[in-house]
N, C-alpha and C. Protein backbone atom coordinates (compact mmCIF):
# COMPACT_ATOMS: atom_id res chain seq x y z
N UNK A 1 18.80 -5.79 32.21
CA UNK A 1 19.38 -4.77 33.04
C UNK A 1 20.79 -5.15 33.48
N UNK A 2 21.01 -6.37 33.96
CA UNK A 2 22.32 -6.81 34.42
C UNK A 2 22.94 -7.74 33.39
N UNK A 3 23.21 -7.22 32.21
CA UNK A 3 23.64 -8.06 31.10
C UNK A 3 25.15 -8.06 30.86
N UNK A 4 25.94 -7.64 31.84
CA UNK A 4 27.39 -7.58 31.64
C UNK A 4 28.10 -8.42 32.70
N UNK A 5 29.35 -8.74 32.41
CA UNK A 5 30.19 -9.44 33.38
C UNK A 5 31.14 -8.45 34.02
N UNK A 6 31.62 -8.81 35.20
CA UNK A 6 32.53 -7.96 35.95
C UNK A 6 33.76 -8.78 36.31
N UNK A 7 34.94 -8.20 36.10
CA UNK A 7 36.19 -8.84 36.46
C UNK A 7 36.49 -8.52 37.93
N UNK A 8 36.74 -9.58 38.72
CA UNK A 8 37.11 -9.40 40.12
C UNK A 8 38.61 -9.60 40.25
N UNK A 9 39.27 -8.62 40.89
CA UNK A 9 40.69 -8.70 41.15
C UNK A 9 40.92 -8.90 42.64
N UNK A 10 41.99 -9.60 42.97
CA UNK A 10 42.38 -9.74 44.35
C UNK A 10 42.96 -8.42 44.82
N UNK A 11 43.29 -8.31 46.10
CA UNK A 11 43.83 -7.06 46.63
C UNK A 11 45.12 -6.66 45.92
N UNK A 12 45.89 -7.66 45.45
CA UNK A 12 47.15 -7.39 44.75
C UNK A 12 46.97 -7.23 43.24
N UNK A 13 45.73 -7.03 42.80
CA UNK A 13 45.37 -6.78 41.39
C UNK A 13 45.51 -8.02 40.50
N UNK A 14 45.61 -9.20 41.07
CA UNK A 14 45.64 -10.43 40.27
C UNK A 14 44.20 -10.82 39.92
N UNK A 15 43.93 -11.19 38.68
CA UNK A 15 42.57 -11.59 38.30
C UNK A 15 42.14 -12.86 39.06
N UNK A 16 40.94 -12.82 39.60
CA UNK A 16 40.41 -13.97 40.32
C UNK A 16 39.31 -14.68 39.56
N UNK A 17 38.35 -13.89 39.07
CA UNK A 17 37.16 -14.51 38.50
C UNK A 17 36.38 -13.49 37.69
N UNK A 18 35.42 -13.99 36.94
CA UNK A 18 34.46 -13.14 36.24
C UNK A 18 33.09 -13.49 36.81
N UNK A 19 32.37 -12.47 37.27
CA UNK A 19 31.05 -12.69 37.87
C UNK A 19 30.03 -11.78 37.20
N UNK A 20 28.78 -12.01 37.53
CA UNK A 20 27.74 -11.14 36.98
C UNK A 20 27.66 -9.84 37.80
N UNK A 21 26.92 -8.89 37.30
CA UNK A 21 26.82 -7.57 37.92
C UNK A 21 26.19 -7.66 39.31
N UNK A 22 25.20 -8.52 39.49
CA UNK A 22 24.55 -8.65 40.79
C UNK A 22 25.54 -9.03 41.89
N UNK A 23 26.39 -10.01 41.62
CA UNK A 23 27.38 -10.45 42.60
C UNK A 23 28.36 -9.32 42.90
N UNK A 24 28.80 -8.61 41.86
CA UNK A 24 29.74 -7.51 42.08
C UNK A 24 29.10 -6.39 42.89
N UNK A 25 27.83 -6.09 42.64
CA UNK A 25 27.15 -5.05 43.41
C UNK A 25 27.04 -5.45 44.88
N UNK A 26 26.80 -6.71 45.13
CA UNK A 26 26.72 -7.19 46.51
C UNK A 26 28.06 -6.97 47.23
N UNK A 27 29.16 -7.30 46.54
CA UNK A 27 30.49 -7.08 47.13
C UNK A 27 30.75 -5.60 47.38
N UNK A 28 30.31 -4.74 46.47
CA UNK A 28 30.49 -3.30 46.64
C UNK A 28 29.64 -2.75 47.79
N UNK A 29 28.38 -3.15 47.84
CA UNK A 29 27.48 -2.64 48.89
C UNK A 29 27.89 -3.13 50.28
N UNK A 30 28.46 -4.33 50.37
CA UNK A 30 28.93 -4.86 51.66
C UNK A 30 30.31 -4.32 52.01
N UNK A 31 30.84 -3.43 51.18
CA UNK A 31 32.14 -2.80 51.38
C UNK A 31 33.28 -3.83 51.42
N UNK A 32 33.12 -4.89 50.65
CA UNK A 32 34.18 -5.90 50.55
C UNK A 32 35.06 -5.66 49.32
N UNK A 33 34.61 -4.76 48.45
CA UNK A 33 35.35 -4.48 47.22
C UNK A 33 35.24 -3.00 46.89
N UNK A 34 36.15 -2.55 46.03
CA UNK A 34 36.09 -1.18 45.56
C UNK A 34 35.98 -1.19 44.03
N UNK A 35 35.34 -0.18 43.52
CA UNK A 35 35.14 -0.04 42.08
C UNK A 35 36.38 0.57 41.45
N UNK A 36 36.95 -0.11 40.44
CA UNK A 36 38.11 0.42 39.73
C UNK A 36 37.72 1.03 38.39
N UNK A 37 36.82 0.35 37.67
CA UNK A 37 36.35 0.83 36.37
C UNK A 37 34.85 0.57 36.28
N UNK A 38 34.18 1.45 35.58
CA UNK A 38 32.75 1.26 35.35
C UNK A 38 32.46 1.42 33.87
N UNK A 39 31.24 1.09 33.50
CA UNK A 39 30.77 1.34 32.14
C UNK A 39 30.23 2.78 32.15
N UNK A 40 30.89 3.70 31.46
CA UNK A 40 30.52 5.11 31.58
C UNK A 40 29.12 5.45 31.09
N UNK A 41 28.60 4.71 30.16
CA UNK A 41 27.28 5.05 29.61
C UNK A 41 26.15 4.23 30.23
N UNK A 42 26.43 3.50 31.34
CA UNK A 42 25.40 2.70 32.00
C UNK A 42 25.32 3.08 33.47
N UNK A 43 24.13 3.08 33.99
CA UNK A 43 23.94 3.30 35.42
C UNK A 43 22.88 2.34 35.93
N UNK A 44 22.89 2.16 37.23
CA UNK A 44 21.86 1.35 37.89
C UNK A 44 21.06 2.33 38.73
N UNK A 45 19.78 2.38 38.49
CA UNK A 45 18.93 3.38 39.14
C UNK A 45 18.05 2.73 40.20
N UNK A 46 17.97 3.41 41.31
CA UNK A 46 16.97 3.08 42.32
C UNK A 46 16.02 4.27 42.39
N UNK A 47 15.10 4.24 43.32
CA UNK A 47 14.14 5.32 43.43
C UNK A 47 14.83 6.64 43.74
N UNK A 48 15.88 6.58 44.57
CA UNK A 48 16.50 7.83 45.01
C UNK A 48 17.95 8.03 44.56
N UNK A 49 18.59 7.01 44.02
CA UNK A 49 20.02 7.12 43.73
C UNK A 49 20.37 6.43 42.42
N UNK A 50 21.42 6.95 41.77
CA UNK A 50 22.02 6.29 40.61
C UNK A 50 23.36 5.73 41.02
N UNK A 51 23.66 4.50 40.60
CA UNK A 51 24.94 3.86 40.90
C UNK A 51 25.69 3.59 39.61
N UNK A 52 27.02 3.61 39.71
CA UNK A 52 27.85 3.28 38.55
C UNK A 52 27.70 1.80 38.24
N UNK A 53 27.76 1.46 36.97
CA UNK A 53 27.64 0.08 36.49
C UNK A 53 29.06 -0.51 36.46
N UNK A 54 29.40 -1.45 37.35
CA UNK A 54 30.79 -1.91 37.48
C UNK A 54 31.28 -2.72 36.29
N UNK A 55 32.58 -2.57 36.03
CA UNK A 55 33.26 -3.35 35.01
C UNK A 55 34.42 -4.13 35.63
N UNK A 56 35.19 -3.46 36.51
CA UNK A 56 36.30 -4.10 37.23
C UNK A 56 36.21 -3.68 38.69
N UNK A 57 36.26 -4.67 39.60
CA UNK A 57 36.30 -4.37 41.03
C UNK A 57 37.50 -5.07 41.65
N UNK A 58 37.94 -4.54 42.79
CA UNK A 58 39.08 -5.11 43.50
C UNK A 58 38.67 -5.39 44.94
N UNK A 59 38.99 -6.59 45.43
CA UNK A 59 38.68 -6.93 46.80
C UNK A 59 39.52 -6.09 47.75
N UNK A 60 38.94 -5.69 48.88
CA UNK A 60 39.67 -4.87 49.85
C UNK A 60 40.57 -5.72 50.74
N UNK A 61 40.22 -6.97 50.92
CA UNK A 61 41.06 -7.88 51.70
C UNK A 61 41.58 -8.97 50.77
N UNK A 62 42.80 -9.37 51.02
CA UNK A 62 43.42 -10.38 50.18
C UNK A 62 42.71 -11.72 50.35
N UNK A 63 42.32 -12.33 49.27
CA UNK A 63 41.69 -13.66 49.30
C UNK A 63 42.75 -14.70 48.99
N UNK A 64 43.04 -15.54 49.97
CA UNK A 64 44.04 -16.58 49.78
C UNK A 64 43.44 -17.69 48.93
N UNK A 65 43.93 -17.80 47.74
CA UNK A 65 43.42 -18.81 46.80
C UNK A 65 44.55 -19.80 46.54
N UNK A 66 44.31 -21.10 46.77
CA UNK A 66 45.35 -22.06 46.42
C UNK A 66 45.60 -22.03 44.92
N UNK A 67 46.69 -22.59 44.49
CA UNK A 67 47.05 -22.59 43.07
C UNK A 67 45.81 -22.86 42.22
N UNK A 68 45.51 -21.92 41.34
CA UNK A 68 44.32 -22.04 40.50
C UNK A 68 44.64 -22.87 39.27
N UNK A 69 43.86 -23.88 39.05
CA UNK A 69 44.02 -24.65 37.83
C UNK A 69 42.65 -24.87 37.21
N UNK A 70 42.64 -25.04 35.93
CA UNK A 70 41.39 -25.25 35.21
C UNK A 70 41.06 -26.74 35.26
N UNK A 71 39.85 -27.05 35.68
CA UNK A 71 39.42 -28.43 35.80
C UNK A 71 39.34 -29.06 34.41
N UNK A 72 39.90 -30.25 34.30
CA UNK A 72 39.84 -30.99 33.04
C UNK A 72 38.44 -31.56 32.88
N UNK A 73 37.69 -31.01 31.95
CA UNK A 73 36.33 -31.48 31.68
C UNK A 73 36.07 -31.37 30.18
N UNK A 74 35.06 -32.07 29.74
CA UNK A 74 34.69 -32.04 28.33
C UNK A 74 34.41 -30.60 27.89
N UNK A 75 33.63 -29.88 28.70
CA UNK A 75 33.26 -28.50 28.39
C UNK A 75 34.50 -27.61 28.25
N UNK A 76 35.47 -27.78 29.15
CA UNK A 76 36.66 -26.94 29.10
C UNK A 76 37.59 -27.30 27.95
N UNK A 77 37.65 -28.57 27.57
CA UNK A 77 38.44 -28.96 26.39
C UNK A 77 37.82 -28.35 25.14
N UNK A 78 36.48 -28.40 25.05
CA UNK A 78 35.79 -27.79 23.92
C UNK A 78 36.06 -26.28 23.87
N UNK A 79 36.02 -25.61 25.03
CA UNK A 79 36.31 -24.17 25.08
C UNK A 79 37.73 -23.89 24.63
N UNK A 80 38.69 -24.66 25.16
CA UNK A 80 40.09 -24.43 24.80
C UNK A 80 40.30 -24.53 23.29
N UNK A 81 39.63 -25.50 22.67
CA UNK A 81 39.81 -25.74 21.23
C UNK A 81 38.86 -24.91 20.37
N UNK A 82 38.14 -23.98 20.97
CA UNK A 82 37.28 -23.09 20.19
C UNK A 82 36.09 -23.78 19.57
N UNK A 83 35.63 -24.88 20.16
CA UNK A 83 34.50 -25.66 19.63
C UNK A 83 34.69 -26.02 18.17
N UNK A 84 35.94 -26.41 17.83
CA UNK A 84 36.26 -26.84 16.46
C UNK A 84 37.02 -28.15 16.52
N UNK A 85 36.75 -29.01 15.55
CA UNK A 85 37.51 -30.25 15.40
C UNK A 85 38.97 -29.89 15.15
N UNK A 86 39.87 -30.50 15.88
CA UNK A 86 41.29 -30.20 15.75
C UNK A 86 41.95 -30.95 14.59
N UNK A 87 41.15 -31.72 13.84
CA UNK A 87 41.66 -32.41 12.66
C UNK A 87 41.19 -31.74 11.37
N UNK A 88 39.89 -31.37 11.33
CA UNK A 88 39.36 -30.81 10.08
C UNK A 88 38.77 -29.40 10.23
N UNK A 89 38.56 -28.93 11.45
CA UNK A 89 38.02 -27.60 11.67
C UNK A 89 36.51 -27.54 11.72
N UNK A 90 35.83 -28.66 11.62
CA UNK A 90 34.36 -28.69 11.65
C UNK A 90 33.85 -28.26 13.03
N UNK A 91 32.62 -27.73 13.05
CA UNK A 91 32.00 -27.33 14.32
C UNK A 91 30.76 -28.16 14.62
N UNK A 92 30.56 -29.25 13.90
CA UNK A 92 29.36 -30.09 14.07
C UNK A 92 29.71 -31.45 14.65
N UNK A 93 28.79 -32.01 15.45
CA UNK A 93 28.92 -33.35 16.03
C UNK A 93 30.26 -33.54 16.73
N UNK A 94 30.55 -32.67 17.70
CA UNK A 94 31.85 -32.69 18.37
C UNK A 94 31.90 -33.69 19.51
N UNK A 95 33.06 -34.28 19.68
CA UNK A 95 33.33 -35.21 20.76
C UNK A 95 34.77 -34.98 21.22
N UNK A 96 35.23 -35.78 22.14
CA UNK A 96 36.60 -35.66 22.65
C UNK A 96 37.40 -36.87 22.17
N UNK A 97 38.63 -36.61 21.71
CA UNK A 97 39.51 -37.66 21.20
C UNK A 97 40.80 -37.69 22.01
N UNK A 98 41.30 -38.90 22.25
CA UNK A 98 42.62 -39.07 22.86
C UNK A 98 43.65 -39.08 21.75
N UNK A 99 44.62 -38.15 21.79
CA UNK A 99 45.66 -38.09 20.77
C UNK A 99 46.42 -39.41 20.76
N UNK A 100 46.92 -39.82 21.90
CA UNK A 100 47.49 -41.17 22.07
C UNK A 100 46.38 -42.01 22.66
N UNK A 101 45.88 -43.01 21.93
CA UNK A 101 44.72 -43.79 22.41
C UNK A 101 44.96 -44.41 23.79
N UNK A 102 43.91 -44.56 24.55
CA UNK A 102 43.99 -45.18 25.88
C UNK A 102 44.63 -46.55 25.82
N UNK A 103 44.29 -47.30 24.79
CA UNK A 103 44.82 -48.67 24.67
C UNK A 103 46.33 -48.69 24.49
N UNK A 104 46.91 -47.55 24.15
CA UNK A 104 48.36 -47.44 23.97
C UNK A 104 49.01 -46.65 25.10
N UNK A 105 48.27 -46.49 26.18
CA UNK A 105 48.84 -45.82 27.35
C UNK A 105 48.53 -44.35 27.46
N UNK A 106 47.75 -43.82 26.56
CA UNK A 106 47.39 -42.40 26.62
C UNK A 106 46.35 -42.17 27.69
N UNK A 107 46.56 -41.19 28.53
CA UNK A 107 45.65 -40.93 29.63
C UNK A 107 44.76 -39.73 29.38
N UNK A 108 44.00 -39.40 30.41
CA UNK A 108 43.14 -38.23 30.36
C UNK A 108 43.93 -37.04 30.90
N UNK A 109 44.47 -36.24 30.01
CA UNK A 109 45.23 -35.05 30.40
C UNK A 109 44.99 -33.97 29.36
N UNK A 110 45.27 -32.72 29.75
CA UNK A 110 45.11 -31.61 28.83
C UNK A 110 45.93 -31.81 27.57
N UNK A 111 47.11 -32.41 27.71
CA UNK A 111 48.02 -32.57 26.58
C UNK A 111 47.64 -33.73 25.68
N UNK A 112 46.70 -34.59 26.12
CA UNK A 112 46.33 -35.76 25.33
C UNK A 112 44.89 -35.72 24.84
N UNK A 113 44.11 -34.73 25.21
CA UNK A 113 42.70 -34.65 24.78
C UNK A 113 42.51 -33.48 23.83
N UNK A 114 41.78 -33.72 22.76
CA UNK A 114 41.44 -32.67 21.80
C UNK A 114 39.99 -32.83 21.38
N UNK A 115 39.43 -31.75 20.85
CA UNK A 115 38.08 -31.78 20.30
C UNK A 115 38.16 -32.37 18.89
N UNK A 116 37.25 -33.30 18.61
CA UNK A 116 37.20 -33.92 17.27
C UNK A 116 35.74 -34.13 16.89
N UNK A 117 35.46 -34.03 15.61
CA UNK A 117 34.11 -34.36 15.15
C UNK A 117 34.00 -35.88 15.11
N UNK A 118 32.80 -36.38 15.13
CA UNK A 118 32.59 -37.83 15.15
C UNK A 118 33.23 -38.50 13.95
N UNK A 119 33.14 -37.87 12.79
CA UNK A 119 33.71 -38.44 11.56
C UNK A 119 35.22 -38.62 11.68
N UNK A 120 35.93 -37.56 12.13
CA UNK A 120 37.39 -37.65 12.27
C UNK A 120 37.78 -38.61 13.38
N UNK A 121 37.01 -38.62 14.47
CA UNK A 121 37.32 -39.52 15.58
C UNK A 121 37.22 -40.97 15.13
N UNK A 122 36.18 -41.28 14.35
CA UNK A 122 36.03 -42.64 13.84
C UNK A 122 37.11 -42.98 12.81
N UNK A 123 37.45 -42.01 11.96
CA UNK A 123 38.48 -42.23 10.94
C UNK A 123 39.84 -42.49 11.59
N UNK A 124 40.15 -41.73 12.63
CA UNK A 124 41.44 -41.89 13.32
C UNK A 124 41.48 -43.22 14.06
N UNK A 125 40.37 -43.57 14.68
CA UNK A 125 40.27 -44.86 15.36
C UNK A 125 41.29 -45.03 16.47
N UNK A 126 41.94 -46.18 16.50
CA UNK A 126 42.89 -46.55 17.55
C UNK A 126 44.32 -46.27 17.11
N UNK A 127 44.52 -45.16 16.40
CA UNK A 127 45.85 -44.82 15.91
C UNK A 127 46.25 -43.44 16.40
N UNK A 128 47.51 -43.13 16.28
CA UNK A 128 47.98 -41.78 16.59
C UNK A 128 47.69 -40.91 15.36
N UNK A 129 47.71 -39.59 15.53
CA UNK A 129 47.49 -38.72 14.36
C UNK A 129 48.50 -38.97 13.24
N UNK A 130 49.73 -39.26 13.59
CA UNK A 130 50.76 -39.52 12.57
C UNK A 130 50.43 -40.81 11.79
N UNK A 131 50.05 -41.86 12.51
CA UNK A 131 49.71 -43.13 11.84
C UNK A 131 48.49 -42.97 10.95
N UNK A 132 47.52 -42.17 11.38
CA UNK A 132 46.30 -41.96 10.59
C UNK A 132 46.49 -40.88 9.53
N UNK A 133 47.66 -40.24 9.49
CA UNK A 133 47.96 -39.15 8.57
C UNK A 133 46.91 -38.04 8.71
N UNK A 134 46.65 -37.68 9.98
CA UNK A 134 45.69 -36.63 10.31
C UNK A 134 46.37 -35.66 11.28
N UNK A 135 47.12 -34.69 10.76
CA UNK A 135 47.82 -33.76 11.66
C UNK A 135 46.83 -32.87 12.43
N UNK A 136 47.22 -32.53 13.64
CA UNK A 136 46.41 -31.64 14.47
C UNK A 136 46.55 -30.20 14.00
N UNK A 137 45.46 -29.44 14.06
CA UNK A 137 45.50 -28.02 13.70
C UNK A 137 46.28 -27.21 14.74
N UNK A 138 46.20 -27.62 16.01
CA UNK A 138 46.98 -26.97 17.07
C UNK A 138 47.34 -28.00 18.13
N UNK A 139 48.47 -27.79 18.75
CA UNK A 139 48.96 -28.71 19.77
C UNK A 139 48.16 -28.52 21.06
N UNK A 140 47.66 -29.60 21.68
CA UNK A 140 46.91 -29.46 22.93
C UNK A 140 47.82 -29.01 24.07
N UNK A 141 47.28 -28.19 24.98
CA UNK A 141 48.06 -27.63 26.09
C UNK A 141 47.17 -27.44 27.30
N UNK A 142 47.80 -27.30 28.45
CA UNK A 142 47.09 -27.01 29.69
C UNK A 142 46.95 -25.49 29.80
N UNK A 143 45.72 -24.96 29.78
CA UNK A 143 45.56 -23.51 29.87
C UNK A 143 45.80 -23.02 31.29
N UNK A 144 46.38 -21.83 31.41
CA UNK A 144 46.55 -21.24 32.73
C UNK A 144 45.25 -20.52 33.11
N UNK A 145 45.12 -20.22 34.38
CA UNK A 145 43.91 -19.57 34.88
C UNK A 145 43.68 -18.22 34.20
N UNK A 146 44.73 -17.42 34.10
CA UNK A 146 44.60 -16.08 33.51
C UNK A 146 44.31 -16.18 32.02
N UNK A 147 44.98 -17.08 31.32
CA UNK A 147 44.72 -17.26 29.89
C UNK A 147 43.28 -17.73 29.67
N UNK A 148 42.80 -18.61 30.55
CA UNK A 148 41.43 -19.10 30.41
C UNK A 148 40.43 -17.97 30.61
N UNK A 149 40.66 -17.13 31.61
CA UNK A 149 39.79 -15.97 31.81
C UNK A 149 39.83 -15.05 30.60
N UNK A 150 41.04 -14.80 30.11
CA UNK A 150 41.22 -13.85 29.00
C UNK A 150 40.60 -14.37 27.72
N UNK A 151 40.88 -15.63 27.39
CA UNK A 151 40.48 -16.15 26.08
C UNK A 151 39.10 -16.78 26.04
N UNK A 152 38.61 -17.28 27.17
CA UNK A 152 37.37 -18.04 27.12
C UNK A 152 36.30 -17.52 28.07
N UNK A 153 36.53 -16.37 28.65
CA UNK A 153 35.57 -15.81 29.60
C UNK A 153 34.44 -15.04 28.96
N UNK A 154 34.30 -15.09 27.67
CA UNK A 154 33.26 -14.34 27.00
C UNK A 154 33.82 -13.01 26.50
N UNK A 155 32.95 -12.03 26.39
CA UNK A 155 33.36 -10.72 25.88
C UNK A 155 34.31 -10.06 26.88
N UNK A 156 35.43 -9.57 26.37
CA UNK A 156 36.43 -8.89 27.19
C UNK A 156 36.27 -7.39 27.01
N UNK A 157 36.00 -6.69 28.08
CA UNK A 157 35.87 -5.24 28.04
C UNK A 157 37.27 -4.62 27.96
N UNK A 158 37.39 -3.47 27.33
CA UNK A 158 38.69 -2.79 27.20
C UNK A 158 39.31 -2.48 28.56
N UNK A 159 38.48 -2.20 29.55
CA UNK A 159 39.02 -1.86 30.87
C UNK A 159 39.65 -3.07 31.56
N UNK A 160 39.38 -4.29 31.09
CA UNK A 160 39.96 -5.51 31.68
C UNK A 160 41.37 -5.76 31.18
N UNK A 161 41.68 -5.28 30.00
CA UNK A 161 42.92 -5.67 29.32
C UNK A 161 44.19 -5.46 30.14
N UNK A 162 44.36 -4.35 30.83
CA UNK A 162 45.60 -4.20 31.61
C UNK A 162 45.76 -5.27 32.71
N UNK A 163 44.64 -5.76 33.23
CA UNK A 163 44.69 -6.74 34.33
C UNK A 163 44.84 -8.18 33.83
N UNK A 164 44.54 -8.39 32.55
CA UNK A 164 44.66 -9.72 31.95
C UNK A 164 45.89 -9.81 31.06
N UNK A 165 46.80 -8.87 31.22
CA UNK A 165 48.09 -8.87 30.50
C UNK A 165 47.90 -8.86 29.00
N UNK A 166 47.02 -8.00 28.51
CA UNK A 166 46.75 -7.91 27.07
C UNK A 166 47.28 -6.59 26.54
């Protein structure tokens, strides 16, 4: 019944988060948010009333959110890299690799961590990609909050696109 996600916008229409339908309905019923877009062919039925199935809601009061950044975690690095090895493109036996090895001063940062399969990680060893002659498929980067919502938040509904700068 509640199988869709809902985009939550701040009062100034900035994307804040993606939540499930239950959470969005709670915000709507408590009059903390307003419905901007719904799924036209879906409704939520009670005994006496039909409700629109939300797709995009906007908070009525501005939520002060400190600078939003994506937490550096194994799961988020895998998401950023599309669950593919950044050396060979494999999707099996994935791990995290330091582009510049720790022993050479490489730290744990978005720009130094990539997804790698176990085979490529072992082959690269304690070398840089250039030394191992293993070029990266894409350059590692720090994703922004909006890009992360847009690209890795799951299925993007057409009604979300104007708010996610698509």
